[in-house]
Amino acid sequence: MIVTATYDIKLSEEDLEMIAERVVRRTNQDSNKQKLLNITEAAKHCGVSKETFWRWRKRYKNLQNIAITAGGVAQFRAEDLDKFLESK
């Protein structure tokens, strides 16, 4: 006997917008996974302000560990930021 279940899932406008933003972000990122991003670009990639990104860097050790510094300038790979966002 095969039993199937159906679910009536209702998503709010906010949920739909968040899902759409993630889809667009992932689509755009696929081609630039190895590109290095500065702080401003990294914040935009994560969908937050530069100030919020700085607070995240102070708060989350794993975000500090993925920074690549060259000449004192912190840079991030888009791929590493995606992993951070998934774990957050």
PDB file of N, CA and C in Angstrom:
ATOM      1  N   MET A   1       0.845  -1.174   0.000  1.00  0.00           N
ATOM      2  CA  MET A   1       0.000   0.000   0.000  1.00  0.00           C
ATOM      3  C   MET A   1       0.896   1.244   0.000  1.00  0.00           C
ATOM      4  N   ILE A   2       0.594   2.188  -0.831  1.00  0.00           N
ATOM      5  CA  ILE A   2       1.330   3.443  -0.913  1.00  0.00           C
ATOM      6  C   ILE A   2       0.461   4.541  -0.318  1.00  0.00           C
ATOM      7  N   VAL A   3       1.059   5.261   0.608  1.00  0.00           N
ATOM      8  CA  VAL A   3       0.340   6.355   1.257  1.00  0.00           C
ATOM      9  C   VAL A   3       1.055   7.652   0.898  1.00  0.00           C
ATOM     10  N   THR A   4       0.326   8.606   0.445  1.00  0.00           N
ATOM     11  CA  THR A   4       0.902   9.905   0.139  1.00  0.00           C
ATOM     12  C   THR A   4       0.240  10.959   1.010  1.00  0.00           C
ATOM     13  N   ALA A   5       1.012  11.954   1.313  1.00  0.00           N
ATOM     14  CA  ALA A   5       0.480  13.046   2.128  1.00  0.00           C
ATOM     15  C   ALA A   5       0.575  14.341   1.338  1.00  0.00           C
ATOM     16  N   THR A   6      -0.370  15.184   1.515  1.00  0.00           N
ATOM     17  CA  THR A   6      -0.324  16.501   0.885  1.00  0.00           C
ATOM     18  C   THR A   6      -0.299  17.552   1.983  1.00  0.00           C
ATOM     19  N   TYR A   7       0.417  18.585   1.713  1.00  0.00           N
ATOM     20  CA  TYR A   7       0.555  19.662   2.685  1.00  0.00           C
ATOM     21  C   TYR A   7       0.097  20.959   2.060  1.00  0.00           C
ATOM     22  N   ASP A   8      -0.583  21.729   2.825  1.00  0.00           N
ATOM     23  CA  ASP A   8      -1.022  23.048   2.382  1.00  0.00           C
ATOM     24  C   ASP A   8      -0.096  24.066   3.047  1.00  0.00           C
ATOM     25  N   ILE A   9       0.921  24.493   2.311  1.00  0.00           N
ATOM     26  CA  ILE A   9       1.909  25.417   2.861  1.00  0.00           C
ATOM     27  C   ILE A   9       1.550  26.827   2.428  1.00  0.00           C
ATOM     28  N   LYS A  10       1.429  27.691   3.383  1.00  0.00           N
ATOM     29  CA  LYS A  10       1.126  29.087   3.089  1.00  0.00           C
ATOM     30  C   LYS A  10       2.357  29.922   3.425  1.00  0.00           C
ATOM     31  N   LEU A  11       2.866  30.638   2.423  1.00  0.00           N
ATOM     32  CA  LEU A  11       4.034  31.485   2.609  1.00  0.00           C
ATOM     33  C   LEU A  11       3.618  32.944   2.586  1.00  0.00           C
ATOM     34  N   SER A  12       4.219  33.710   3.477  1.00  0.00           N
ATOM     35  CA  SER A  12       3.934  35.139   3.508  1.00  0.00           C
ATOM     36  C   SER A  12       4.717  35.837   2.390  1.00  0.00           C
ATOM     37  N   GLU A  13       4.368  37.078   2.123  1.00  0.00           N
ATOM     38  CA  GLU A  13       5.101  37.873   1.124  1.00  0.00           C
ATOM     39  C   GLU A  13       6.571  37.976   1.509  1.00  0.00           C
ATOM     40  N   GLU A  14       6.824  38.149   2.805  1.00  0.00           N
ATOM     41  CA  GLU A  14       8.200  38.261   3.303  1.00  0.00           C
ATOM     42  C   GLU A  14       8.977  36.972   3.030  1.00  0.00           C
ATOM     43  N   ASP A  15       8.352  35.824   3.261  1.00  0.00           N
ATOM     44  CA  ASP A  15       8.991  34.538   2.987  1.00  0.00           C
ATOM     45  C   ASP A  15       9.320  34.399   1.503  1.00  0.00           C
ATOM     46  N   LEU A  16       8.375  34.762   0.657  1.00  0.00           N
ATOM     47  CA  LEU A  16       8.587  34.665  -0.791  1.00  0.00           C
ATOM     48  C   LEU A  16       9.705  35.576  -1.258  1.00  0.00           C
ATOM     49  N   GLU A  17       9.766  36.789  -0.706  1.00  0.00           N
ATOM     50  CA  GLU A  17      10.840  37.712  -1.066  1.00  0.00           C
ATOM     51  C   GLU A  17      12.189  37.161  -0.641  1.00  0.00           C
ATOM     52  N   MET A  18      12.269  36.588   0.568  1.00  0.00           N
ATOM     53  CA  MET A  18      13.516  36.027   1.057  1.00  0.00           C
ATOM     54  C   MET A  18      13.965  34.864   0.174  1.00  0.00           C
ATOM     55  N   ILE A  19      13.034  34.011  -0.213  1.00  0.00           N
ATOM     56  CA  ILE A  19      13.364  32.884  -1.087  1.00  0.00           C
ATOM     57  C   ILE A  19      13.848  33.387  -2.443  1.00  0.00           C
ATOM     58  N   ALA A  20      13.163  34.376  -2.991  1.00  0.00           N
ATOM     59  CA  ALA A  20      13.556  34.934  -4.288  1.00  0.00           C
ATOM     60  C   ALA A  20      14.947  35.550  -4.222  1.00  0.00           C
ATOM     61  N   GLU A  21      15.246  36.270  -3.139  1.00  0.00           N
ATOM     62  CA  GLU A  21      16.573  36.874  -2.982  1.00  0.00           C
ATOM     63  C   GLU A  21      17.657  35.809  -2.930  1.00  0.00           C
ATOM     64  N   ARG A  22      17.392  34.721  -2.227  1.00  0.00           N
ATOM     65  CA  ARG A  22      18.380  33.643  -2.144  1.00  0.00           C
ATOM     66  C   ARG A  22      18.605  32.979  -3.493  1.00  0.00           C
ATOM     67  N   VAL A  23      17.529  32.787  -4.249  1.00  0.00           N
ATOM     68  CA  VAL A  23      17.660  32.179  -5.573  1.00  0.00           C
ATOM     69  C   VAL A  23      18.491  33.077  -6.478  1.00  0.00           C
ATOM     70  N   VAL A  24      18.194  34.367  -6.472  1.00  0.00           N
ATOM     71  CA  VAL A  24      18.942  35.308  -7.309  1.00  0.00           C
ATOM     72  C   VAL A  24      20.406  35.347  -6.876  1.00  0.00           C
ATOM     73  N   ARG A  25      20.640  35.389  -5.558  1.00  0.00           N
ATOM     74  CA  ARG A  25      22.016  35.441  -5.048  1.00  0.00           C
ATOM     75  C   ARG A  25      22.794  34.210  -5.476  1.00  0.00           C
ATOM     76  N   ARG A  26      22.193  33.035  -5.347  1.00  0.00           N
ATOM     77  CA  ARG A  26      22.885  31.801  -5.733  1.00  0.00           C
ATOM     78  C   ARG A  26      23.129  31.740  -7.234  1.00  0.00           C
ATOM     79  N   THR A  27      22.184  32.203  -8.014  1.00  0.00           N
ATOM     80  CA  THR A  27      22.353  32.199  -9.465  1.00  0.00           C
ATOM     81  C   THR A  27      23.509  33.105  -9.867  1.00  0.00           C
ATOM     82  N   ASN A  28      23.576  34.276  -9.259  1.00  0.00           N
ATOM     83  CA  ASN A  28      24.649  35.218  -9.579  1.00  0.00           C
ATOM     84  C   ASN A  28      25.998  34.733  -9.073  1.00  0.00           C
ATOM     85  N   GLN A  29      26.026  33.970  -8.015  1.00  0.00           N
ATOM     86  CA  GLN A  29      27.281  33.569  -7.396  1.00  0.00           C
ATOM     87  C   GLN A  29      27.948  32.405  -8.108  1.00  0.00           C
ATOM     88  N   ASP A  30      27.193  31.597  -8.780  1.00  0.00           N
ATOM     89  CA  ASP A  30      27.761  30.403  -9.390  1.00  0.00           C
ATOM     90  C   ASP A  30      28.945  30.714 -10.294  1.00  0.00           C
ATOM     91  N   SER A  31      28.899  31.822 -11.007  1.00  0.00           N
ATOM     92  CA  SER A  31      29.976  32.151 -11.932  1.00  0.00           C
ATOM     93  C   SER A  31      31.152  32.854 -11.254  1.00  0.00           C
ATOM     94  N   ASN A  32      30.964  33.365 -10.039  1.00  0.00           N
ATOM     95  CA  ASN A  32      32.025  34.132  -9.380  1.00  0.00           C
ATOM     96  C   ASN A  32      32.455  33.539  -8.041  1.00  0.00           C
ATOM     97  N   LYS A  33      32.419  32.218  -7.908  1.00  0.00           N
ATOM     98  CA  LYS A  33      32.689  31.616  -6.600  1.00  0.00           C
ATOM     99  C   LYS A  33      34.108  31.867  -6.118  1.00  0.00           C
ATOM    100  N   GLN A  34      35.080  31.945  -7.004  1.00  0.00           N
ATOM    101  CA  GLN A  34      36.469  32.112  -6.592  1.00  0.00           C
ATOM    102  C   GLN A  34      36.909  33.578  -6.535  1.00  0.00           C
ATOM    103  N   LYS A  35      36.060  34.483  -6.968  1.00  0.00           N
ATOM    104  CA  LYS A  35      36.404  35.905  -6.955  1.00  0.00           C
ATOM    105  C   LYS A  35      36.549  36.388  -5.516  1.00  0.00           C
ATOM    106  N   LEU A  36      37.570  37.198  -5.264  1.00  0.00           N
ATOM    107  CA  LEU A  36      37.769  37.759  -3.937  1.00  0.00           C
ATOM    108  C   LEU A  36      36.988  39.055  -3.796  1.00  0.00           C
ATOM    109  N   LEU A  37      36.271  39.182  -2.685  1.00  0.00           N
ATOM    110  CA  LEU A  37      35.434  40.350  -2.430  1.00  0.00           C
ATOM    111  C   LEU A  37      36.010  41.155  -1.275  1.00  0.00           C
ATOM    112  N   ASN A  38      35.998  42.482  -1.407  1.00  0.00           N
ATOM    113  CA  ASN A  38      36.390  43.318  -0.278  1.00  0.00           C
ATOM    114  C   ASN A  38      35.219  43.412   0.700  1.00  0.00           C
ATOM    115  N   ILE A  39      35.398  44.166   1.776  1.00  0.00           N
ATOM    116  CA  ILE A  39      34.372  44.243   2.824  1.00  0.00           C
ATOM    117  C   ILE A  39      33.038  44.750   2.263  1.00  0.00           C
ATOM    118  N   THR A  40      33.066  45.792   1.461  1.00  0.00           N
ATOM    119  CA  THR A  40      31.839  46.359   0.899  1.00  0.00           C
ATOM    120  C   THR A  40      31.131  45.347   0.004  1.00  0.00           C
ATOM    121  N   GLU A  41      31.901  44.686  -0.854  1.00  0.00           N
ATOM    122  CA  GLU A  41      31.319  43.680  -1.749  1.00  0.00           C
ATOM    123  C   GLU A  41      30.806  42.470  -0.967  1.00  0.00           C
ATOM    124  N   ALA A  42      31.541  42.079   0.076  1.00  0.00           N
ATOM    125  CA  ALA A  42      31.126  40.942   0.905  1.00  0.00           C
ATOM    126  C   ALA A  42      29.806  41.244   1.612  1.00  0.00           C
ATOM    127  N   ALA A  43      29.680  42.452   2.127  1.00  0.00           N
ATOM    128  CA  ALA A  43      28.440  42.841   2.797  1.00  0.00           C
ATOM    129  C   ALA A  43      27.271  42.798   1.811  1.00  0.00           C
ATOM    130  N   LYS A  44      27.489  43.321   0.617  1.00  0.00           N
ATOM    131  CA  LYS A  44      26.441  43.310  -0.408  1.00  0.00           C
ATOM    132  C   LYS A  44      26.087  41.877  -0.795  1.00  0.00           C
ATOM    133  N   HIS A  45      27.098  41.037  -0.912  1.00  0.00           N
ATOM    134  CA  HIS A  45      26.899  39.629  -1.241  1.00  0.00           C
ATOM    135  C   HIS A  45      26.021  38.938  -0.193  1.00  0.00           C
ATOM    136  N   CYS A  46      26.210  39.315   1.065  1.00  0.00           N
ATOM    137  CA  CYS A  46      25.441  38.718   2.171  1.00  0.00           C
ATOM    138  C   CYS A  46      24.087  39.386   2.362  1.00  0.00           C
ATOM    139  N   GLY A  47      23.866  40.512   1.684  1.00  0.00           N
ATOM    140  CA  GLY A  47      22.586  41.196   1.786  1.00  0.00           C
ATOM    141  C   GLY A  47      22.434  42.021   3.049  1.00  0.00           C
ATOM    142  N   VAL A  48      23.571  42.487   3.587  1.00  0.00           N
ATOM    143  CA  VAL A  48      23.545  43.307   4.804  1.00  0.00           C
ATOM    144  C   VAL A  48      24.362  44.576   4.575  1.00  0.00           C
ATOM    145  N   SER A  49      24.233  45.520   5.502  1.00  0.00           N
ATOM    146  CA  SER A  49      25.023  46.744   5.409  1.00  0.00           C
ATOM    147  C   SER A  49      26.478  46.451   5.788  1.00  0.00           C
ATOM    148  N   LYS A  50      27.344  47.356   5.433  1.00  0.00           N
ATOM    149  CA  LYS A  50      28.758  47.212   5.771  1.00  0.00           C
ATOM    150  C   LYS A  50      28.948  47.175   7.288  1.00  0.00           C
ATOM    151  N   GLU A  51      28.180  47.973   8.003  1.00  0.00           N
ATOM    152  CA  GLU A  51      28.274  48.008   9.462  1.00  0.00           C
ATOM    153  C   GLU A  51      27.862  46.672  10.076  1.00  0.00           C
ATOM    154  N   THR A  52      26.790  46.081   9.552  1.00  0.00           N
ATOM    155  CA  THR A  52      26.343  44.778  10.047  1.00  0.00           C
ATOM    156  C   THR A  52      27.400  43.724   9.770  1.00  0.00           C
ATOM    157  N   PHE A  53      28.003  43.791   8.587  1.00  0.00           N
ATOM    158  CA  PHE A  53      29.046  42.828   8.258  1.00  0.00           C
ATOM    159  C   PHE A  53      30.210  42.957   9.224  1.00  0.00           C
ATOM    160  N   TRP A  54      30.600  44.171   9.579  1.00  0.00           N
ATOM    161  CA  TRP A  54      31.684  44.376  10.555  1.00  0.00           C
ATOM    162  C   TRP A  54      31.307  43.785  11.905  1.00  0.00           C
ATOM    163  N   ARG A  55      30.057  43.977  12.324  1.00  0.00           N
ATOM    164  CA  ARG A  55      29.610  43.379  13.596  1.00  0.00           C
ATOM    165  C   ARG A  55      29.681  41.862  13.526  1.00  0.00           C
ATOM    166  N   TRP A  56      29.280  41.292  12.398  1.00  0.00           N
ATOM    167  CA  TRP A  56      29.367  39.834  12.230  1.00  0.00           C
ATOM    168  C   TRP A  56      30.815  39.370  12.358  1.00  0.00           C
ATOM    169  N   ARG A  57      31.744  40.120  11.766  1.00  0.00           N
ATOM    170  CA  ARG A  57      33.161  39.734  11.838  1.00  0.00           C
ATOM    171  C   ARG A  57      33.647  39.697  13.274  1.00  0.00           C
ATOM    172  N   LYS A  58      33.165  40.623  14.082  1.00  0.00           N
ATOM    173  CA  LYS A  58      33.560  40.629  15.492  1.00  0.00           C
ATOM    174  C   LYS A  58      32.912  39.476  16.250  1.00  0.00           C
ATOM    175  N   ARG A  59      31.674  39.150  15.936  1.00  0.00           N
ATOM    176  CA  ARG A  59      30.883  38.183  16.690  1.00  0.00           C
ATOM    177  C   ARG A  59      31.177  36.731  16.304  1.00  0.00           C
ATOM    178  N   TYR A  60      31.341  36.455  15.014  1.00  0.00           N
ATOM    179  CA  TYR A  60      31.456  35.076  14.544  1.00  0.00           C
ATOM    180  C   TYR A  60      32.888  34.739  14.164  1.00  0.00           C
ATOM    181  N   LYS A  61      33.472  33.824  14.934  1.00  0.00           N
ATOM    182  CA  LYS A  61      34.859  33.441  14.702  1.00  0.00           C
ATOM    183  C   LYS A  61      35.058  32.802  13.335  1.00  0.00           C
ATOM    184  N   ASN A  62      34.088  31.981  12.888  1.00  0.00           N
ATOM    185  CA  ASN A  62      34.261  31.332  11.587  1.00  0.00           C
ATOM    186  C   ASN A  62      34.292  32.345  10.440  1.00  0.00           C
ATOM    187  N   LEU A  63      33.684  33.513  10.612  1.00  0.00           N
ATOM    188  CA  LEU A  63      33.768  34.557   9.591  1.00  0.00           C
ATOM    189  C   LEU A  63      35.157  35.204   9.615  1.00  0.00           C
ATOM    190  N   GLN A  64      35.758  35.288  10.789  1.00  0.00           N
ATOM    191  CA  GLN A  64      37.120  35.818  10.895  1.00  0.00           C
ATOM    192  C   GLN A  64      38.114  34.857  10.250  1.00  0.00           C
ATOM    193  N   ASN A  65      37.860  33.561  10.394  1.00  0.00           N
ATOM    194  CA  ASN A  65      38.788  32.559   9.884  1.00  0.00           C
ATOM    195  C   ASN A  65      38.816  32.468   8.364  1.00  0.00           C
ATOM    196  N   ILE A  66      37.767  32.895   7.685  1.00  0.00           N
ATOM    197  CA  ILE A  66      37.744  32.770   6.221  1.00  0.00           C
ATOM    198  C   ILE A  66      38.303  34.000   5.521  1.00  0.00           C
ATOM    199  N   ALA A  67      38.659  35.025   6.291  1.00  0.00           N
ATOM    200  CA  ALA A  67      39.208  36.233   5.672  1.00  0.00           C
ATOM    201  C   ALA A  67      40.599  35.945   5.125  1.00  0.00           C
ATOM    202  N   ILE A  68      40.870  36.451   3.955  1.00  0.00           N
ATOM    203  CA  ILE A  68      42.187  36.360   3.346  1.00  0.00           C
ATOM    204  C   ILE A  68      42.766  37.762   3.381  1.00  0.00           C
ATOM    205  N   THR A  69      43.843  37.938   4.102  1.00  0.00           N
ATOM    206  CA  THR A  69      44.399  39.280   4.205  1.00  0.00           C
ATOM    207  C   THR A  69      45.661  39.384   3.359  1.00  0.00           C
ATOM    208  N   ALA A  70      45.711  40.412   2.574  1.00  0.00           N
ATOM    209  CA  ALA A  70      46.877  40.707   1.757  1.00  0.00           C
ATOM    210  C   ALA A  70      47.186  42.184   1.937  1.00  0.00           C
ATOM    211  N   GLY A  71      48.292  42.482   2.564  1.00  0.00           N
ATOM    212  CA  GLY A  71      48.643  43.876   2.803  1.00  0.00           C
ATOM    213  C   GLY A  71      47.685  44.552   3.771  1.00  0.00           C
ATOM    214  N   GLY A  72      47.095  43.784   4.690  1.00  0.00           N
ATOM    215  CA  GLY A  72      46.187  44.351   5.676  1.00  0.00           C
ATOM    216  C   GLY A  72      44.756  44.535   5.198  1.00  0.00           C
ATOM    217  N   VAL A  73      44.472  44.138   3.969  1.00  0.00           N
ATOM    218  CA  VAL A  73      43.121  44.265   3.421  1.00  0.00           C
ATOM    219  C   VAL A  73      42.429  42.910   3.491  1.00  0.00           C
ATOM    220  N   ALA A  74      41.298  42.866   4.181  1.00  0.00           N
ATOM    221  CA  ALA A  74      40.553  41.608   4.293  1.00  0.00           C
ATOM    222  C   ALA A  74      39.721  41.385   3.044  1.00  0.00           C
ATOM    223  N   GLN A  75      39.800  40.166   2.532  1.00  0.00           N
ATOM    224  CA  GLN A  75      39.007  39.785   1.372  1.00  0.00           C
ATOM    225  C   GLN A  75      38.377  38.431   1.643  1.00  0.00           C
ATOM    226  N   PHE A  76      37.294  38.155   0.939  1.00  0.00           N
ATOM    227  CA  PHE A  76      36.526  36.934   1.164  1.00  0.00           C
ATOM    228  C   PHE A  76      36.162  36.308  -0.160  1.00  0.00           C
ATOM    229  N   ARG A  77      36.143  34.981  -0.198  1.00  0.00           N
ATOM    230  CA  ARG A  77      35.639  34.270  -1.366  1.00  0.00           C
ATOM    231  C   ARG A  77      34.126  34.166  -1.232  1.00  0.00           C
ATOM    232  N   ALA A  78      33.423  34.346  -2.323  1.00  0.00           N
ATOM    233  CA  ALA A  78      31.961  34.243  -2.315  1.00  0.00           C
ATOM    234  C   ALA A  78      31.536  32.864  -1.833  1.00  0.00           C
ATOM    235  N   GLU A  79      32.259  31.848  -2.236  1.00  0.00           N
ATOM    236  CA  GLU A  79      31.949  30.475  -1.844  1.00  0.00           C
ATOM    237  C   GLU A  79      32.018  30.306  -0.324  1.00  0.00           C
ATOM    238  N   ASP A  80      33.034  30.918   0.313  1.00  0.00           N
ATOM    239  CA  ASP A  80      33.175  30.835   1.764  1.00  0.00           C
ATOM    240  C   ASP A  80      32.060  31.598   2.477  1.00  0.00           C
ATOM    241  N   LEU A  81      31.675  32.732   1.917  1.00  0.00           N
ATOM    242  CA  LEU A  81      30.574  33.498   2.510  1.00  0.00           C
ATOM    243  C   LEU A  81      29.262  32.730   2.424  1.00  0.00           C
ATOM    244  N   ASP A  82      29.052  32.023   1.323  1.00  0.00           N
ATOM    245  CA  ASP A  82      27.837  31.216   1.183  1.00  0.00           C
ATOM    246  C   ASP A  82      27.779  30.132   2.254  1.00  0.00           C
ATOM    247  N   LYS A  83      28.911  29.490   2.504  1.00  0.00           N
ATOM    248  CA  LYS A  83      28.963  28.460   3.548  1.00  0.00           C
ATOM    249  C   LYS A  83      28.680  29.072   4.912  1.00  0.00           C
ATOM    250  N   PHE A  84      29.239  30.261   5.163  1.00  0.00           N
ATOM    251  CA  PHE A  84      28.979  30.955   6.421  1.00  0.00           C
ATOM    252  C   PHE A  84      27.499  31.243   6.587  1.00  0.00           C
ATOM    253  N   LEU A  85      26.861  31.755   5.535  1.00  0.00           N
ATOM    254  CA  LEU A  85      25.430  32.102   5.608  1.00  0.00           C
ATOM    255  C   LEU A  85      24.572  30.860   5.850  1.00  0.00           C
ATOM    256  N   GLU A  86      24.948  29.745   5.258  1.00  0.00           N
ATOM    257  CA  GLU A  86      24.189  28.512   5.468  1.00  0.00           C
ATOM    258  C   GLU A  86      24.295  28.030   6.907  1.00  0.00           C
ATOM    259  N   SER A  87      25.452  28.246   7.530  1.00  0.00           N
ATOM    260  CA  SER A  87      25.661  27.772   8.909  1.00  0.00           C
ATOM    261  C   SER A  87      25.116  28.732   9.938  1.00  0.00           C
ATOM    262  N   LYS A  88      24.808  29.966   9.537  1.00  0.00           N
ATOM    263  CA  LYS A  88      24.364  31.003  10.473  1.00  0.00           C
ATOM    264  C   LYS A  88      22.931  30.784  10.902  1.00  0.00           C
TER     265      LYS A  88
END
